[in-house]
Amino acid sequence: MPGTCVAVLGSNGAGKSTMLKTIMGLVEDEPRKGTVWALGKDVTRADTERISQAGIAYVVEDRGMFPDLTVAESLRLGAFHRNDRAAINSDLERMFTYFPRLAERLKQDSGTLSGGEQQMLAIARALMSRPKLLMLDEPSLGLAPMLVEEIFRVIRAINREGMGILLVEQNANQALAIADYGYVLEGGRFVLEGTAAELRGNENVQEFYLGVRTGGDEPRLHVRRRRRRWN
Protein backbone atom coordinates (compact mmCIF):
# COMPACT_ATOMS: atom_id res chain seq x y z
CA MET A 1 0.00 0.00 0.00
CA PRO A 2 1.22 3.55 -0.69
CA GLY A 3 2.91 5.05 2.32
CA THR A 4 3.39 1.72 4.08
CA CYS A 5 6.76 0.63 5.42
CA VAL A 6 7.27 -3.13 5.66
CA ALA A 7 10.37 -4.57 7.33
CA VAL A 8 11.80 -8.04 6.71
CA LEU A 9 14.07 -9.31 9.47
CA GLY A 10 16.28 -12.36 9.36
CA SER A 11 19.73 -13.71 10.07
CA ASN A 12 22.49 -14.13 7.49
CA GLY A 13 21.49 -16.66 4.86
CA ALA A 14 17.78 -16.47 5.63
CA GLY A 15 16.95 -15.49 2.05
CA LYS A 16 16.27 -11.77 2.46
CA SER A 17 18.45 -10.54 -0.41
CA THR A 18 17.29 -13.37 -2.66
CA MET A 19 13.70 -12.30 -2.03
CA LEU A 20 14.41 -8.74 -3.19
CA LYS A 21 16.39 -9.92 -6.21
CA THR A 22 13.56 -12.25 -7.18
CA ILE A 23 11.03 -9.43 -6.97
CA MET A 24 13.33 -7.33 -9.16
CA GLY A 25 13.75 -10.07 -11.77
CA LEU A 26 17.44 -10.57 -11.06
CA VAL A 27 17.36 -14.29 -10.20
CA GLU A 28 17.15 -16.60 -13.21
CA ASP A 29 14.22 -19.06 -13.25
CA GLU A 30 12.83 -17.72 -9.99
CA PRO A 31 10.33 -17.97 -8.43
CA ARG A 32 9.91 -21.68 -9.02
CA LYS A 33 6.49 -21.60 -7.38
CA GLY A 34 3.92 -18.89 -6.86
CA THR A 35 3.74 -15.43 -8.34
CA VAL A 36 5.19 -12.00 -7.66
CA TRP A 37 2.75 -9.12 -7.48
CA ALA A 38 3.98 -5.57 -7.06
CA LEU A 39 1.93 -2.38 -7.11
CA GLY A 40 -1.09 -4.32 -8.33
CA LYS A 41 0.74 -5.94 -11.25
CA ASP A 42 1.86 -9.50 -11.84
CA VAL A 43 5.60 -9.17 -12.46
CA THR A 44 6.48 -12.85 -12.11
CA ARG A 45 9.66 -13.44 -14.15
CA ALA A 46 9.29 -10.06 -15.82
CA ASP A 47 12.51 -8.43 -16.96
CA THR A 48 14.12 -5.93 -14.62
CA GLU A 49 13.50 -2.95 -16.90
CA ARG A 50 9.77 -3.61 -16.96
CA ILE A 51 9.71 -3.95 -13.18
CA SER A 52 11.62 -0.69 -12.80
CA GLN A 53 9.26 1.09 -15.16
CA ALA A 54 6.34 -0.22 -13.12
CA GLY A 55 7.59 2.00 -10.30
CA ILE A 56 9.96 -0.12 -8.22
CA ALA A 57 13.47 0.99 -7.26
CA TYR A 58 16.01 -1.27 -5.59
CA VAL A 59 19.01 -0.23 -3.48
CA VAL A 60 21.32 -3.23 -3.37
CA GLU A 61 23.31 -4.31 -0.33
CA ASP A 62 26.71 -3.29 -1.72
CA ARG A 63 25.29 0.07 -2.94
CA GLY A 64 26.05 -0.63 -6.61
CA MET A 65 28.34 2.30 -7.23
CA PHE A 66 29.85 3.15 -10.60
CA PRO A 67 33.14 4.32 -9.09
CA ASP A 68 34.28 6.45 -12.03
CA LEU A 69 31.03 8.42 -12.26
CA THR A 70 30.77 11.65 -10.30
CA VAL A 71 28.03 12.17 -7.76
CA ALA A 72 26.19 14.42 -10.23
CA GLU A 73 26.45 11.83 -13.02
CA SER A 74 25.29 9.06 -10.70
CA LEU A 75 22.23 11.02 -9.61
CA ARG A 76 21.22 11.78 -13.19
CA LEU A 77 21.73 8.12 -14.06
CA GLY A 78 18.84 7.37 -11.72
CA ALA A 79 16.59 9.46 -13.97
CA PHE A 80 17.80 7.92 -17.24
CA HIS A 81 14.30 6.97 -18.42
CA ARG A 82 12.86 10.43 -17.72
CA ASN A 83 12.83 13.41 -20.08
CA ASP A 84 11.19 16.02 -17.84
CA ARG A 85 14.30 18.15 -17.38
CA ALA A 86 12.75 20.77 -15.10
CA ALA A 87 11.32 18.11 -12.81
CA ILE A 88 14.64 16.27 -12.77
CA ASN A 89 16.42 19.43 -11.64
CA SER A 90 13.77 19.95 -8.98
CA ASP A 91 14.24 16.39 -7.76
CA LEU A 92 18.00 16.93 -7.58
CA GLU A 93 17.44 19.84 -5.22
CA ARG A 94 15.14 17.66 -3.16
CA MET A 95 17.88 15.03 -2.87
CA PHE A 96 20.20 17.69 -1.50
CA THR A 97 17.69 18.54 1.22
CA TYR A 98 17.68 14.87 2.21
CA PHE A 99 21.46 14.49 1.93
CA PRO A 100 23.28 17.86 2.07
CA ARG A 101 26.64 16.10 1.84
CA LEU A 102 25.92 15.10 -1.74
CA ALA A 103 25.61 18.74 -2.79
CA GLU A 104 29.11 19.32 -1.45
CA ARG A 105 30.54 16.43 -3.49
CA LEU A 106 28.84 16.77 -6.87
CA LYS A 107 32.10 16.68 -8.83
CA GLN A 108 33.67 13.94 -6.73
CA ASP A 109 33.90 10.39 -8.11
CA SER A 110 31.46 8.14 -6.30
CA GLY A 111 34.17 5.54 -5.74
CA THR A 112 36.03 7.97 -3.47
CA LEU A 113 33.08 8.59 -1.14
CA SER A 114 32.88 7.11 2.34
CA GLY A 115 30.60 4.14 2.94
CA GLY A 116 27.92 6.33 4.46
CA GLU A 117 28.07 8.82 1.60
CA GLN A 118 27.82 6.00 -0.92
CA GLN A 119 24.70 4.74 0.82
CA MET A 120 23.22 8.24 0.66
CA LEU A 121 24.04 8.40 -3.04
CA ALA A 122 22.56 4.95 -3.69
CA ILE A 123 19.27 5.94 -2.06
CA ALA A 124 19.16 9.33 -3.78
CA ARG A 125 19.93 7.74 -7.16
CA ALA A 126 17.03 5.32 -6.68
CA LEU A 127 14.69 8.16 -5.71
CA MET A 128 15.57 10.04 -8.89
CA SER A 129 13.50 7.48 -10.80
CA ARG A 130 10.42 8.66 -8.85
CA PRO A 131 9.46 5.16 -7.70
CA LYS A 132 6.25 4.21 -5.97
CA LEU A 133 8.02 1.47 -4.02
CA LEU A 134 11.58 1.68 -2.71
CA MET A 135 13.26 -1.61 -1.76
CA LEU A 136 16.31 -1.33 0.50
CA ASP A 137 18.73 -4.16 1.25
CA GLU A 138 20.59 -3.69 4.55
CA PRO A 139 20.99 0.12 4.37
CA SER A 140 22.69 0.23 7.78
CA LEU A 141 25.32 -2.39 6.95
CA GLY A 142 28.83 -1.30 7.94
CA LEU A 143 27.84 2.23 8.93
CA ALA A 144 28.63 4.12 12.11
CA PRO A 145 25.64 4.65 14.44
CA MET A 146 25.45 8.38 13.62
CA LEU A 147 25.21 7.65 9.89
CA VAL A 148 22.64 4.92 10.50
CA GLU A 149 20.46 7.47 12.30
CA GLU A 150 20.82 9.89 9.38
CA ILE A 151 19.96 7.25 6.78
CA PHE A 152 16.90 6.06 8.69
CA ARG A 153 15.75 9.63 9.26
CA VAL A 154 15.54 10.05 5.48
CA ILE A 155 13.86 6.68 4.98
CA ARG A 156 11.25 7.70 7.55
CA ALA A 157 10.78 11.08 5.84
CA ILE A 158 10.20 9.71 2.35
CA ASN A 159 7.84 7.10 3.76
CA ARG A 160 5.81 9.82 5.48
CA GLU A 161 5.64 11.63 2.15
CA GLY A 162 3.73 8.65 0.78
CA MET A 163 6.34 6.31 -0.69
CA GLY A 164 6.06 2.60 -0.02
CA ILE A 165 9.13 1.05 1.59
CA LEU A 166 10.22 -2.60 1.65
CA LEU A 167 13.11 -2.71 4.09
CA VAL A 168 15.39 -5.71 4.54
CA GLU A 169 17.46 -5.12 7.65
CA GLN A 170 19.33 -6.97 10.40
CA ASN A 171 19.18 -3.93 12.66
CA ALA A 172 15.78 -4.82 14.04
CA ASN A 173 15.61 -1.89 16.45
CA GLN A 174 15.98 0.64 13.64
CA ALA A 175 13.74 -1.25 11.23
CA LEU A 176 10.84 -1.74 13.64
CA ALA A 177 11.09 1.87 14.79
CA ILE A 178 9.95 3.07 11.35
CA ALA A 179 7.99 0.07 10.00
CA ASP A 180 4.23 -0.35 10.03
CA TYR A 181 4.37 -4.10 9.53
CA GLY A 182 7.06 -6.74 9.59
CA TYR A 183 8.03 -10.30 8.78
CA VAL A 184 10.70 -12.64 10.11
CA LEU A 185 12.35 -14.75 7.42
CA GLU A 186 14.23 -17.93 8.32
CA GLY A 187 15.44 -20.64 5.95
CA GLY A 188 13.68 -19.09 2.98
CA ARG A 189 10.24 -18.92 4.57
CA PHE A 190 8.32 -16.50 6.73
CA VAL A 191 8.03 -17.80 10.28
CA LEU A 192 6.43 -14.78 11.92
CA GLU A 193 4.56 -11.64 10.90
CA GLY A 194 2.68 -8.82 12.55
CA THR A 195 2.58 -5.11 13.14
CA ALA A 196 5.83 -3.52 14.23
CA ALA A 197 4.43 -3.22 17.75
CA GLU A 198 3.47 -6.91 17.79
CA LEU A 199 6.93 -7.97 16.65
CA ARG A 200 8.62 -5.75 19.22
CA GLY A 201 6.53 -7.46 21.88
CA ASN A 202 7.26 -10.99 20.67
CA GLU A 203 9.57 -12.93 22.98
CA ASN A 204 11.49 -14.58 20.13
CA VAL A 205 12.04 -11.30 18.31
CA GLN A 206 13.13 -9.64 21.54
CA GLU A 207 15.67 -12.35 22.26
CA PHE A 208 17.07 -13.02 18.80
CA TYR A 209 16.80 -9.62 17.10
CA LEU A 210 16.41 -6.91 19.74
CA GLY A 211 19.07 -8.16 22.14
CA VAL A 212 16.71 -8.77 25.06
CA ARG A 213 17.72 -12.02 26.75
CA THR A 214 14.77 -14.12 27.89
CA GLY A 215 16.63 -17.26 28.86
CA GLY A 216 19.98 -18.52 30.10
CA ASP A 217 21.31 -20.21 26.95
CA GLU A 218 24.82 -19.48 25.78
CA PRO A 219 25.02 -17.25 22.66
CA ARG A 220 26.30 -20.14 20.53
CA LEU A 221 22.99 -21.93 21.09
CA HIS A 222 20.85 -19.08 19.78
CA VAL A 223 20.66 -20.07 16.13
CA ARG A 224 19.89 -23.70 16.94
CA ARG A 225 17.23 -22.69 19.47
CA ARG A 226 15.65 -20.26 17.02
CA ARG A 227 15.41 -22.82 14.24
CA ARG A 228 14.03 -25.46 16.58
CA ARG A 229 11.45 -23.02 17.92
CA TRP A 230 10.25 -21.73 14.56
CA ASN A 231 10.57 -24.83 12.38
C-alpha atoms as a PDB file:
ATOM      1  CA  MET A   1       0.000   0.000   0.000  1.00  0.00           C
ATOM      2  CA  PRO A   2       1.219   3.551  -0.687  1.00  0.00           C
ATOM      3  CA  GLY A   3       2.907   5.054   2.318  1.00  0.00           C
ATOM      4  CA  THR A   4       3.388   1.719   4.078  1.00  0.00           C
ATOM      5  CA  CYS A   5       6.763   0.632   5.415  1.00  0.00           C
ATOM      6  CA  VAL A   6       7.271  -3.130   5.664  1.00  0.00           C
ATOM      7  CA  ALA A   7      10.369  -4.573   7.332  1.00  0.00           C
ATOM      8  CA  VAL A   8      11.797  -8.036   6.714  1.00  0.00           C
ATOM      9  CA  LEU A   9      14.074  -9.307   9.468  1.00  0.00           C
ATOM     10  CA  GLY A  10      16.285 -12.360   9.362  1.00  0.00           C
ATOM     11  CA  SER A  11      19.733 -13.710  10.073  1.00  0.00           C
ATOM     12  CA  ASN A  12      22.490 -14.133   7.490  1.00  0.00           C
ATOM     13  CA  GLY A  13      21.493 -16.664   4.859  1.00  0.00           C
ATOM     14  CA  ALA A  14      17.781 -16.465   5.635  1.00  0.00           C
ATOM     15  CA  GLY A  15      16.954 -15.486   2.046  1.00  0.00           C
ATOM     16  CA  LYS A  16      16.269 -11.772   2.462  1.00  0.00           C
ATOM     17  CA  SER A  17      18.449 -10.538  -0.407  1.00  0.00           C
ATOM     18  CA  THR A  18      17.289 -13.374  -2.660  1.00  0.00           C
ATOM     19  CA  MET A  19      13.703 -12.300  -2.033  1.00  0.00           C
ATOM     20  CA  LEU A  20      14.415  -8.740  -3.194  1.00  0.00           C
ATOM     21  CA  LYS A  21      16.394  -9.918  -6.214  1.00  0.00           C
ATOM     22  CA  THR A  22      13.556 -12.251  -7.181  1.00  0.00           C
ATOM     23  CA  ILE A  23      11.027  -9.429  -6.973  1.00  0.00           C
ATOM     24  CA  MET A  24      13.333  -7.331  -9.162  1.00  0.00           C
ATOM     25  CA  GLY A  25      13.747 -10.069 -11.774  1.00  0.00           C
ATOM     26  CA  LEU A  26      17.435 -10.568 -11.061  1.00  0.00           C
ATOM     27  CA  VAL A  27      17.357 -14.293 -10.203  1.00  0.00           C
ATOM     28  CA  GLU A  28      17.146 -16.597 -13.208  1.00  0.00           C
ATOM     29  CA  ASP A  29      14.222 -19.056 -13.249  1.00  0.00           C
ATOM     30  CA  GLU A  30      12.827 -17.724  -9.985  1.00  0.00           C
ATOM     31  CA  PRO A  31      10.328 -17.967  -8.425  1.00  0.00           C
ATOM     32  CA  ARG A  32       9.911 -21.684  -9.016  1.00  0.00           C
ATOM     33  CA  LYS A  33       6.494 -21.603  -7.377  1.00  0.00           C
ATOM     34  CA  GLY A  34       3.917 -18.893  -6.856  1.00  0.00           C
ATOM     35  CA  THR A  35       3.737 -15.430  -8.338  1.00  0.00           C
ATOM     36  CA  VAL A  36       5.194 -12.004  -7.664  1.00  0.00           C
ATOM     37  CA  TRP A  37       2.747  -9.120  -7.481  1.00  0.00           C
ATOM     38  CA  ALA A  38       3.979  -5.574  -7.063  1.00  0.00           C
ATOM     39  CA  LEU A  39       1.930  -2.384  -7.113  1.00  0.00           C
ATOM     40  CA  GLY A  40      -1.092  -4.318  -8.331  1.00  0.00           C
ATOM     41  CA  LYS A  41       0.740  -5.940 -11.254  1.00  0.00           C
ATOM     42  CA  ASP A  42       1.862  -9.502 -11.841  1.00  0.00           C
ATOM     43  CA  VAL A  43       5.604  -9.171 -12.456  1.00  0.00           C
ATOM     44  CA  THR A  44       6.482 -12.854 -12.109  1.00  0.00           C
ATOM     45  CA  ARG A  45       9.655 -13.435 -14.146  1.00  0.00           C
ATOM     46  CA  ALA A  46       9.289 -10.059 -15.818  1.00  0.00           C
ATOM     47  CA  ASP A  47      12.511  -8.428 -16.965  1.00  0.00           C
ATOM     48  CA  THR A  48      14.121  -5.934 -14.623  1.00  0.00           C
ATOM     49  CA  GLU A  49      13.500  -2.953 -16.900  1.00  0.00           C
ATOM     50  CA  ARG A  50       9.767  -3.610 -16.960  1.00  0.00           C
ATOM     51  CA  ILE A  51       9.709  -3.951 -13.179  1.00  0.00           C
ATOM     52  CA  SER A  52      11.618  -0.690 -12.803  1.00  0.00           C
ATOM     53  CA  GLN A  53       9.259   1.094 -15.164  1.00  0.00           C
ATOM     54  CA  ALA A  54       6.339  -0.218 -13.115  1.00  0.00           C
ATOM     55  CA  GLY A  55       7.591   2.001 -10.295  1.00  0.00           C
ATOM     56  CA  ILE A  56       9.959  -0.125  -8.222  1.00  0.00           C
ATOM     57  CA  ALA A  57      13.467   0.991  -7.259  1.00  0.00           C
ATOM     58  CA  TYR A  58      16.013  -1.273  -5.589  1.00  0.00           C
ATOM     59  CA  VAL A  59      19.007  -0.225  -3.478  1.00  0.00           C
ATOM     60  CA  VAL A  60      21.323  -3.228  -3.370  1.00  0.00           C
ATOM     61  CA  GLU A  61      23.312  -4.312  -0.330  1.00  0.00           C
ATOM     62  CA  ASP A  62      26.711  -3.289  -1.722  1.00  0.00           C
ATOM     63  CA  ARG A  63      25.292   0.069  -2.943  1.00  0.00           C
ATOM     64  CA  GLY A  64      26.052  -0.633  -6.612  1.00  0.00           C
ATOM     65  CA  MET A  65      28.337   2.303  -7.226  1.00  0.00           C
ATOM     66  CA  PHE A  66      29.847   3.147 -10.604  1.00  0.00           C
ATOM     67  CA  PRO A  67      33.142   4.322  -9.094  1.00  0.00           C
ATOM     68  CA  ASP A  68      34.281   6.449 -12.030  1.00  0.00           C
ATOM     69  CA  LEU A  69      31.035   8.425 -12.260  1.00  0.00           C
ATOM     70  CA  THR A  70      30.774  11.649 -10.303  1.00  0.00           C
ATOM     71  CA  VAL A  71      28.034  12.171  -7.761  1.00  0.00           C
ATOM     72  CA  ALA A  72      26.191  14.422 -10.229  1.00  0.00           C
ATOM     73  CA  GLU A  73      26.451  11.833 -13.018  1.00  0.00           C
ATOM     74  CA  SER A  74      25.291   9.060 -10.700  1.00  0.00           C
ATOM     75  CA  LEU A  75      22.234  11.019  -9.609  1.00  0.00           C
ATOM     76  CA  ARG A  76      21.225  11.780 -13.194  1.00  0.00           C
ATOM     77  CA  LEU A  77      21.727   8.118 -14.055  1.00  0.00           C
ATOM     78  CA  GLY A  78      18.842   7.365 -11.722  1.00  0.00           C
ATOM     79  CA  ALA A  79      16.591   9.457 -13.970  1.00  0.00           C
ATOM     80  CA  PHE A  80      17.800   7.920 -17.238  1.00  0.00           C
ATOM     81  CA  HIS A  81      14.296   6.971 -18.422  1.00  0.00           C
ATOM     82  CA  ARG A  82      12.862  10.433 -17.721  1.00  0.00           C
ATOM     83  CA  ASN A  83      12.832  13.407 -20.081  1.00  0.00           C
ATOM     84  CA  ASP A  84      11.192  16.016 -17.839  1.00  0.00           C
ATOM     85  CA  ARG A  85      14.305  18.146 -17.378  1.00  0.00           C
ATOM     86  CA  ALA A  86      12.752  20.768 -15.104  1.00  0.00           C
ATOM     87  CA  ALA A  87      11.315  18.106 -12.807  1.00  0.00           C
ATOM     88  CA  ILE A  88      14.644  16.269 -12.770  1.00  0.00           C
ATOM     89  CA  ASN A  89      16.423  19.427 -11.640  1.00  0.00           C
ATOM     90  CA  SER A  90      13.766  19.946  -8.981  1.00  0.00           C
ATOM     91  CA  ASP A  91      14.241  16.387  -7.757  1.00  0.00           C
ATOM     92  CA  LEU A  92      18.003  16.928  -7.576  1.00  0.00           C
ATOM     93  CA  GLU A  93      17.441  19.835  -5.224  1.00  0.00           C
ATOM     94  CA  ARG A  94      15.143  17.657  -3.155  1.00  0.00           C
ATOM     95  CA  MET A  95      17.882  15.027  -2.870  1.00  0.00           C
ATOM     96  CA  PHE A  96      20.199  17.694  -1.497  1.00  0.00           C
ATOM     97  CA  THR A  97      17.689  18.539   1.224  1.00  0.00           C
ATOM     98  CA  TYR A  98      17.683  14.866   2.209  1.00  0.00           C
ATOM     99  CA  PHE A  99      21.459  14.491   1.929  1.00  0.00           C
ATOM    100  CA  PRO A 100      23.277  17.864   2.068  1.00  0.00           C
ATOM    101  CA  ARG A 101      26.643  16.101   1.841  1.00  0.00           C
ATOM    102  CA  LEU A 102      25.922  15.100  -1.742  1.00  0.00           C
ATOM    103  CA  ALA A 103      25.607  18.738  -2.787  1.00  0.00           C
ATOM    104  CA  GLU A 104      29.110  19.317  -1.451  1.00  0.00           C
ATOM    105  CA  ARG A 105      30.536  16.433  -3.490  1.00  0.00           C
ATOM    106  CA  LEU A 106      28.840  16.771  -6.874  1.00  0.00           C
ATOM    107  CA  LYS A 107      32.100  16.677  -8.835  1.00  0.00           C
ATOM    108  CA  GLN A 108      33.668  13.936  -6.735  1.00  0.00           C
ATOM    109  CA  ASP A 109      33.904  10.390  -8.110  1.00  0.00           C
ATOM    110  CA  SER A 110      31.457   8.135  -6.300  1.00  0.00           C
ATOM    111  CA  GLY A 111      34.174   5.543  -5.743  1.00  0.00           C
ATOM    112  CA  THR A 112      36.029   7.967  -3.466  1.00  0.00           C
ATOM    113  CA  LEU A 113      33.077   8.591  -1.140  1.00  0.00           C
ATOM    114  CA  SER A 114      32.881   7.110   2.343  1.00  0.00           C
ATOM    115  CA  GLY A 115      30.597   4.137   2.940  1.00  0.00           C
ATOM    116  CA  GLY A 116      27.916   6.333   4.460  1.00  0.00           C
ATOM    117  CA  GLU A 117      28.071   8.824   1.599  1.00  0.00           C
ATOM    118  CA  GLN A 118      27.820   5.997  -0.923  1.00  0.00           C
ATOM    119  CA  GLN A 119      24.696   4.744   0.823  1.00  0.00           C
ATOM    120  CA  MET A 120      23.219   8.237   0.663  1.00  0.00           C
ATOM    121  CA  LEU A 121      24.038   8.396  -3.043  1.00  0.00           C
ATOM    122  CA  ALA A 122      22.557   4.952  -3.691  1.00  0.00           C
ATOM    123  CA  ILE A 123      19.267   5.939  -2.061  1.00  0.00           C
ATOM    124  CA  ALA A 124      19.159   9.330  -3.778  1.00  0.00           C
ATOM    125  CA  ARG A 125      19.928   7.744  -7.157  1.00  0.00           C
ATOM    126  CA  ALA A 126      17.032   5.323  -6.682  1.00  0.00           C
ATOM    127  CA  LEU A 127      14.689   8.156  -5.706  1.00  0.00           C
ATOM    128  CA  MET A 128      15.570  10.039  -8.887  1.00  0.00           C
ATOM    129  CA  SER A 129      13.496   7.485 -10.799  1.00  0.00           C
ATOM    130  CA  ARG A 130      10.421   8.662  -8.854  1.00  0.00           C
ATOM    131  CA  PRO A 131       9.456   5.158  -7.703  1.00  0.00           C
ATOM    132  CA  LYS A 132       6.248   4.206  -5.971  1.00  0.00           C
ATOM    133  CA  LEU A 133       8.020   1.469  -4.020  1.00  0.00           C
ATOM    134  CA  LEU A 134      11.585   1.676  -2.710  1.00  0.00           C
ATOM    135  CA  MET A 135      13.260  -1.614  -1.764  1.00  0.00           C
ATOM    136  CA  LEU A 136      16.307  -1.329   0.495  1.00  0.00           C
ATOM    137  CA  ASP A 137      18.728  -4.156   1.249  1.00  0.00           C
ATOM    138  CA  GLU A 138      20.592  -3.687   4.551  1.00  0.00           C
ATOM    139  CA  PRO A 139      20.986   0.119   4.368  1.00  0.00           C
ATOM    140  CA  SER A 140      22.688   0.233   7.784  1.00  0.00           C
ATOM    141  CA  LEU A 141      25.323  -2.389   6.949  1.00  0.00           C
ATOM    142  CA  GLY A 142      28.829  -1.304   7.935  1.00  0.00           C
ATOM    143  CA  LEU A 143      27.835   2.227   8.926  1.00  0.00           C
ATOM    144  CA  ALA A 144      28.635   4.123  12.112  1.00  0.00           C
ATOM    145  CA  PRO A 145      25.640   4.655  14.436  1.00  0.00           C
ATOM    146  CA  MET A 146      25.450   8.379  13.623  1.00  0.00           C
ATOM    147  CA  LEU A 147      25.206   7.650   9.893  1.00  0.00           C
ATOM    148  CA  VAL A 148      22.638   4.923  10.503  1.00  0.00           C
ATOM    149  CA  GLU A 149      20.464   7.474  12.300  1.00  0.00           C
ATOM    150  CA  GLU A 150      20.821   9.888   9.381  1.00  0.00           C
ATOM    151  CA  ILE A 151      19.960   7.246   6.780  1.00  0.00           C
ATOM    152  CA  PHE A 152      16.904   6.059   8.693  1.00  0.00           C
ATOM    153  CA  ARG A 153      15.753   9.632   9.257  1.00  0.00           C
ATOM    154  CA  VAL A 154      15.545  10.046   5.480  1.00  0.00           C
ATOM    155  CA  ILE A 155      13.856   6.677   4.980  1.00  0.00           C
ATOM    156  CA  ARG A 156      11.248   7.697   7.549  1.00  0.00           C
ATOM    157  CA  ALA A 157      10.781  11.075   5.843  1.00  0.00           C
ATOM    158  CA  ILE A 158      10.197   9.709   2.346  1.00  0.00           C
ATOM    159  CA  ASN A 159       7.840   7.099   3.763  1.00  0.00           C
ATOM    160  CA  ARG A 160       5.811   9.815   5.481  1.00  0.00           C
ATOM    161  CA  GLU A 161       5.640  11.634   2.152  1.00  0.00           C
ATOM    162  CA  GLY A 162       3.733   8.652   0.776  1.00  0.00           C
ATOM    163  CA  MET A 163       6.336   6.308  -0.688  1.00  0.00           C
ATOM    164  CA  GLY A 164       6.057   2.598  -0.023  1.00  0.00           C
ATOM    165  CA  ILE A 165       9.131   1.045   1.587  1.00  0.00           C
ATOM    166  CA  LEU A 166      10.217  -2.604   1.649  1.00  0.00           C
ATOM    167  CA  LEU A 167      13.107  -2.706   4.092  1.00  0.00           C
ATOM    168  CA  VAL A 168      15.393  -5.711   4.538  1.00  0.00           C
ATOM    169  CA  GLU A 169      17.463  -5.123   7.648  1.00  0.00           C
ATOM    170  CA  GLN A 170      19.331  -6.970  10.400  1.00  0.00           C
ATOM    171  CA  ASN A 171      19.183  -3.927  12.662  1.00  0.00           C
ATOM    172  CA  ALA A 172      15.776  -4.823  14.038  1.00  0.00           C
ATOM    173  CA  ASN A 173      15.612  -1.890  16.446  1.00  0.00           C
ATOM    174  CA  GLN A 174      15.976   0.637  13.636  1.00  0.00           C
ATOM    175  CA  ALA A 175      13.736  -1.254  11.230  1.00  0.00           C
ATOM    176  CA  LEU A 176      10.841  -1.742  13.638  1.00  0.00           C
ATOM    177  CA  ALA A 177      11.095   1.871  14.789  1.00  0.00           C
ATOM    178  CA  ILE A 178       9.949   3.068  11.347  1.00  0.00           C
ATOM    179  CA  ALA A 179       7.988   0.074  10.004  1.00  0.00           C
ATOM    180  CA  ASP A 180       4.228  -0.350  10.030  1.00  0.00           C
ATOM    181  CA  TYR A 181       4.368  -4.099   9.533  1.00  0.00           C
ATOM    182  CA  GLY A 182       7.057  -6.740   9.593  1.00  0.00           C
ATOM    183  CA  TYR A 183       8.029 -10.299   8.778  1.00  0.00           C
ATOM    184  CA  VAL A 184      10.704 -12.639  10.113  1.00  0.00           C
ATOM    185  CA  LEU A 185      12.351 -14.748   7.417  1.00  0.00           C
ATOM    186  CA  GLU A 186      14.233 -17.932   8.319  1.00  0.00           C
ATOM    187  CA  GLY A 187      15.439 -20.642   5.953  1.00  0.00           C
ATOM    188  CA  GLY A 188      13.676 -19.094   2.979  1.00  0.00           C
ATOM    189  CA  ARG A 189      10.240 -18.918   4.571  1.00  0.00           C
ATOM    190  CA  PHE A 190       8.321 -16.498   6.728  1.00  0.00           C
ATOM    191  CA  VAL A 191       8.031 -17.802  10.279  1.00  0.00           C
ATOM    192  CA  LEU A 192       6.431 -14.776  11.917  1.00  0.00           C
ATOM    193  CA  GLU A 193       4.561 -11.641  10.904  1.00  0.00           C
ATOM    194  CA  GLY A 194       2.681  -8.817  12.549  1.00  0.00           C
ATOM    195  CA  THR A 195       2.582  -5.110  13.138  1.00  0.00           C
ATOM    196  CA  ALA A 196       5.831  -3.524  14.232  1.00  0.00           C
ATOM    197  CA  ALA A 197       4.434  -3.222  17.752  1.00  0.00           C
ATOM    198  CA  GLU A 198       3.470  -6.905  17.792  1.00  0.00           C
ATOM    199  CA  LEU A 199       6.935  -7.975  16.652  1.00  0.00           C
ATOM    200  CA  ARG A 200       8.624  -5.746  19.219  1.00  0.00           C
ATOM    201  CA  GLY A 201       6.530  -7.456  21.880  1.00  0.00           C
ATOM    202  CA  ASN A 202       7.256 -10.986  20.669  1.00  0.00           C
ATOM    203  CA  GLU A 203       9.565 -12.934  22.977  1.00  0.00           C
ATOM    204  CA  ASN A 204      11.488 -14.583  20.129  1.00  0.00           C
ATOM    205  CA  VAL A 205      12.043 -11.303  18.310  1.00  0.00           C
ATOM    206  CA  GLN A 206      13.127  -9.641  21.539  1.00  0.00           C
ATOM    207  CA  GLU A 207      15.673 -12.353  22.256  1.00  0.00           C
ATOM    208  CA  PHE A 208      17.075 -13.018  18.800  1.00  0.00           C
ATOM    209  CA  TYR A 209      16.802  -9.616  17.104  1.00  0.00           C
ATOM    210  CA  LEU A 210      16.410  -6.914  19.742  1.00  0.00           C
ATOM    211  CA  GLY A 211      19.074  -8.164  22.141  1.00  0.00           C
ATOM    212  CA  VAL A 212      16.707  -8.773  25.060  1.00  0.00           C
ATOM    213  CA  ARG A 213      17.725 -12.023  26.751  1.00  0.00           C
ATOM    214  CA  THR A 214      14.768 -14.116  27.892  1.00  0.00           C
ATOM    215  CA  GLY A 215      16.635 -17.261  28.862  1.00  0.00           C
ATOM    216  CA  GLY A 216      19.978 -18.517  30.096  1.00  0.00           C
ATOM    217  CA  ASP A 217      21.315 -20.214  26.948  1.00  0.00           C
ATOM    218  CA  GLU A 218      24.815 -19.482  25.782  1.00  0.00           C
ATOM    219  CA  PRO A 219      25.023 -17.252  22.665  1.00  0.00           C
ATOM    220  CA  ARG A 220      26.300 -20.141  20.527  1.00  0.00           C
ATOM    221  CA  LEU A 221      22.989 -21.927  21.087  1.00  0.00           C
ATOM    222  CA  HIS A 222      20.849 -19.077  19.779  1.00  0.00           C
ATOM    223  CA  VAL A 223      20.659 -20.065  16.132  1.00  0.00           C
ATOM    224  CA  ARG A 224      19.887 -23.701  16.943  1.00  0.00           C
ATOM    225  CA  ARG A 225      17.227 -22.691  19.471  1.00  0.00           C
ATOM    226  CA  ARG A 226      15.653 -20.263  17.024  1.00  0.00           C
ATOM    227  CA  ARG A 227      15.412 -22.818  14.242  1.00  0.00           C
ATOM    228  CA  ARG A 228      14.029 -25.463  16.576  1.00  0.00           C
ATOM    229  CA  ARG A 229      11.445 -23.023  17.920  1.00  0.00           C
ATOM    230  CA  TRP A 230      10.250 -21.725  14.559  1.00  0.00           C
ATOM    231  CA  ASN A 231      10.566 -24.827  12.377  1.00  0.00           C
END
